[in-house]
């Protein structure tokens, strides 16, 4: 059985997929944000693209990696929209406030 690697890990109040022990996979910031969520510390919800995606980019190139991660990134965006109760690009339900929250966490 060939299982595809996971490239995107979400973190937030309703679900957190990473831990501090995953530092090599998620990087220091990604692992620590996930761990803070697990501990109940309030941080903006988000997702981390794994270091495996970076390795794949180096080995296979941009287009190959985009094909590998596109579905997971879109699922991560849907997770963020659900966590925030807003949709990206929808001016009627608060595009500016959603954008502010995303960029304030970068």
C-alpha atoms as a PDB file:
ATOM      1  CA  UNK A   1       0.000   0.000   0.000  1.00  0.00           C
ATOM      2  CA  UNK A   2       1.395   3.400  -1.041  1.00  0.00           C
ATOM      3  CA  UNK A   3       0.391   6.134   1.413  1.00  0.00           C
ATOM      4  CA  UNK A   4       1.001   9.713   0.297  1.00  0.00           C
ATOM      5  CA  UNK A   5       2.879  11.892   2.782  1.00  0.00           C
ATOM      6  CA  UNK A   6       0.990  14.670   4.537  1.00  0.00           C
ATOM      7  CA  UNK A   7       2.258  18.160   3.693  1.00  0.00           C
ATOM      8  CA  UNK A   8      -0.137  20.528   5.532  1.00  0.00           C
ATOM      9  CA  UNK A   9      -0.831  20.475   9.285  1.00  0.00           C
ATOM     10  CA  UNK A  10      -3.573  22.664  10.770  1.00  0.00           C
ATOM     11  CA  UNK A  11      -3.744  24.164  14.241  1.00  0.00           C
ATOM     12  CA  UNK A  12      -6.548  25.963  16.023  1.00  0.00           C
ATOM     13  CA  UNK A  13      -9.175  25.740  18.721  1.00  0.00           C
ATOM     14  CA  UNK A  14     -11.150  22.878  17.144  1.00  0.00           C
ATOM     15  CA  UNK A  15      -8.286  20.756  15.795  1.00  0.00           C
ATOM     16  CA  UNK A  16      -4.506  20.652  16.032  1.00  0.00           C
ATOM     17  CA  UNK A  17      -2.473  18.149  14.055  1.00  0.00           C
ATOM     18  CA  UNK A  18       1.095  18.914  15.153  1.00  0.00           C
ATOM     19  CA  UNK A  19       3.079  18.705  18.369  1.00  0.00           C
ATOM     20  CA  UNK A  20       6.326  20.144  19.730  1.00  0.00           C
ATOM     21  CA  UNK A  21       7.973  16.792  18.981  1.00  0.00           C
ATOM     22  CA  UNK A  22       7.418  17.379  15.239  1.00  0.00           C
ATOM     23  CA  UNK A  23       9.987  20.204  14.999  1.00  0.00           C
ATOM     24  CA  UNK A  24      11.942  18.536  12.163  1.00  0.00           C
ATOM     25  CA  UNK A  25       8.755  18.160  10.110  1.00  0.00           C
ATOM     26  CA  UNK A  26       6.987  21.434  10.959  1.00  0.00           C
ATOM     27  CA  UNK A  27       9.919  23.702  11.714  1.00  0.00           C
ATOM     28  CA  UNK A  28      10.331  25.464  15.039  1.00  0.00           C
ATOM     29  CA  UNK A  29       7.529  28.003  14.595  1.00  0.00           C
ATOM     30  CA  UNK A  30       5.024  25.453  13.241  1.00  0.00           C
ATOM     31  CA  UNK A  31       5.722  22.915  15.984  1.00  0.00           C
ATOM     32  CA  UNK A  32       5.567  25.545  18.720  1.00  0.00           C
ATOM     33  CA  UNK A  33       2.310  27.078  17.438  1.00  0.00           C
ATOM     34  CA  UNK A  34       0.751  23.606  17.368  1.00  0.00           C
ATOM     35  CA  UNK A  35       1.986  22.897  20.886  1.00  0.00           C
ATOM     36  CA  UNK A  36       0.637  26.206  22.192  1.00  0.00           C
ATOM     37  CA  UNK A  37      -2.781  25.294  20.758  1.00  0.00           C
ATOM     38  CA  UNK A  38      -2.572  21.894  22.459  1.00  0.00           C
ATOM     39  CA  UNK A  39      -1.837  23.649  25.755  1.00  0.00           C
ATOM     40  CA  UNK A  40      -4.861  25.937  25.349  1.00  0.00           C
ATOM     41  CA  UNK A  41      -2.842  29.106  24.720  1.00  0.00           C
ATOM     42  CA  UNK A  42      -4.719  31.478  22.431  1.00  0.00           C
ATOM     43  CA  UNK A  43      -2.958  31.831  19.086  1.00  0.00           C
ATOM     44  CA  UNK A  44      -4.462  32.646  15.692  1.00  0.00           C
ATOM     45  CA  UNK A  45      -5.536  29.485  13.872  1.00  0.00           C
ATOM     46  CA  UNK A  46      -3.485  28.507  10.866  1.00  0.00           C
ATOM     47  CA  UNK A  47      -1.651  25.790   9.050  1.00  0.00           C
ATOM     48  CA  UNK A  48       1.948  24.835   8.462  1.00  0.00           C
ATOM     49  CA  UNK A  49       3.382  23.465   5.239  1.00  0.00           C
ATOM     50  CA  UNK A  50       5.873  20.764   6.201  1.00  0.00           C
ATOM     51  CA  UNK A  51       9.574  20.675   5.547  1.00  0.00           C
ATOM     52  CA  UNK A  52       8.875  17.614   3.362  1.00  0.00           C
ATOM     53  CA  UNK A  53       7.168  19.991   0.911  1.00  0.00           C
ATOM     54  CA  UNK A  54      10.338  22.095   0.870  1.00  0.00           C
ATOM     55  CA  UNK A  55      12.428  19.002   0.190  1.00  0.00           C
ATOM     56  CA  UNK A  56      10.056  17.975  -2.602  1.00  0.00           C
ATOM     57  CA  UNK A  57      10.348  21.488  -4.067  1.00  0.00           C
ATOM     58  CA  UNK A  58      14.126  21.191  -4.148  1.00  0.00           C
ATOM     59  CA  UNK A  59      14.044  17.708  -5.663  1.00  0.00           C
ATOM     60  CA  UNK A  60      11.027  17.939  -8.009  1.00  0.00           C
ATOM     61  CA  UNK A  61      10.472  21.631  -8.689  1.00  0.00           C
ATOM     62  CA  UNK A  62       7.681  24.147  -8.220  1.00  0.00           C
ATOM     63  CA  UNK A  63       4.983  22.655 -10.442  1.00  0.00           C
ATOM     64  CA  UNK A  64       5.331  19.180  -8.946  1.00  0.00           C
ATOM     65  CA  UNK A  65       5.039  20.523  -5.399  1.00  0.00           C
ATOM     66  CA  UNK A  66       2.042  22.684  -6.231  1.00  0.00           C
ATOM     67  CA  UNK A  67       0.289  19.568  -7.553  1.00  0.00           C
ATOM     68  CA  UNK A  68       1.239  17.677  -4.379  1.00  0.00           C
ATOM     69  CA  UNK A  69       0.051  20.274  -1.856  1.00  0.00           C
ATOM     70  CA  UNK A  70      -2.790  22.127  -3.598  1.00  0.00           C
ATOM     71  CA  UNK A  71      -5.655  20.046  -2.170  1.00  0.00           C
ATOM     72  CA  UNK A  72      -4.192  20.084   1.343  1.00  0.00           C
ATOM     73  CA  UNK A  73      -3.640  23.862   1.240  1.00  0.00           C
ATOM     74  CA  UNK A  74      -7.231  24.420   0.083  1.00  0.00           C
ATOM     75  CA  UNK A  75      -8.412  22.173   2.920  1.00  0.00           C
ATOM     76  CA  UNK A  76      -6.275  24.269   5.293  1.00  0.00           C
ATOM     77  CA  UNK A  77      -7.918  27.448   4.018  1.00  0.00           C
ATOM     78  CA  UNK A  78     -11.367  25.886   4.552  1.00  0.00           C
ATOM     79  CA  UNK A  79     -10.303  25.005   8.090  1.00  0.00           C
ATOM     80  CA  UNK A  80      -9.265  28.637   8.696  1.00  0.00           C
ATOM     81  CA  UNK A  81     -12.526  29.937   7.284  1.00  0.00           C
ATOM     82  CA  UNK A  82     -14.478  27.624   9.594  1.00  0.00           C
ATOM     83  CA  UNK A  83     -12.364  28.601  12.617  1.00  0.00           C
ATOM     84  CA  UNK A  84     -12.834  32.324  11.955  1.00  0.00           C
ATOM     85  CA  UNK A  85     -16.403  32.185  10.690  1.00  0.00           C
ATOM     86  CA  UNK A  86     -15.367  34.156   7.613  1.00  0.00           C
ATOM     87  CA  UNK A  87     -14.468  33.445   3.993  1.00  0.00           C
ATOM     88  CA  UNK A  88     -11.446  34.684   2.088  1.00  0.00           C
ATOM     89  CA  UNK A  89     -12.421  37.033  -0.721  1.00  0.00           C
ATOM     90  CA  UNK A  90     -16.039  37.496   0.390  1.00  0.00           C
ATOM     91  CA  UNK A  91     -16.516  41.221   1.018  1.00  0.00           C
ATOM     92  CA  UNK A  92     -20.076  40.683   2.271  1.00  0.00           C
ATOM     93  CA  UNK A  93     -18.940  38.703   5.315  1.00  0.00           C
ATOM     94  CA  UNK A  94     -15.763  40.455   6.333  1.00  0.00           C
ATOM     95  CA  UNK A  95     -12.927  39.982   3.868  1.00  0.00           C
ATOM     96  CA  UNK A  96     -10.909  42.788   5.451  1.00  0.00           C
ATOM     97  CA  UNK A  97     -11.153  41.419   8.975  1.00  0.00           C
ATOM     98  CA  UNK A  98     -10.235  37.922   7.781  1.00  0.00           C
ATOM     99  CA  UNK A  99      -7.247  39.290   5.879  1.00  0.00           C
ATOM    100  CA  UNK A 100      -6.143  41.360   8.893  1.00  0.00           C
ATOM    101  CA  UNK A 101      -6.218  38.333  11.144  1.00  0.00           C
ATOM    102  CA  UNK A 102      -4.180  36.196   8.727  1.00  0.00           C
ATOM    103  CA  UNK A 103      -1.510  38.818   8.115  1.00  0.00           C
ATOM    104  CA  UNK A 104      -1.278  39.836  11.753  1.00  0.00           C
ATOM    105  CA  UNK A 105      -0.166  36.286  12.573  1.00  0.00           C
ATOM    106  CA  UNK A 106       2.679  36.252  10.023  1.00  0.00           C
END
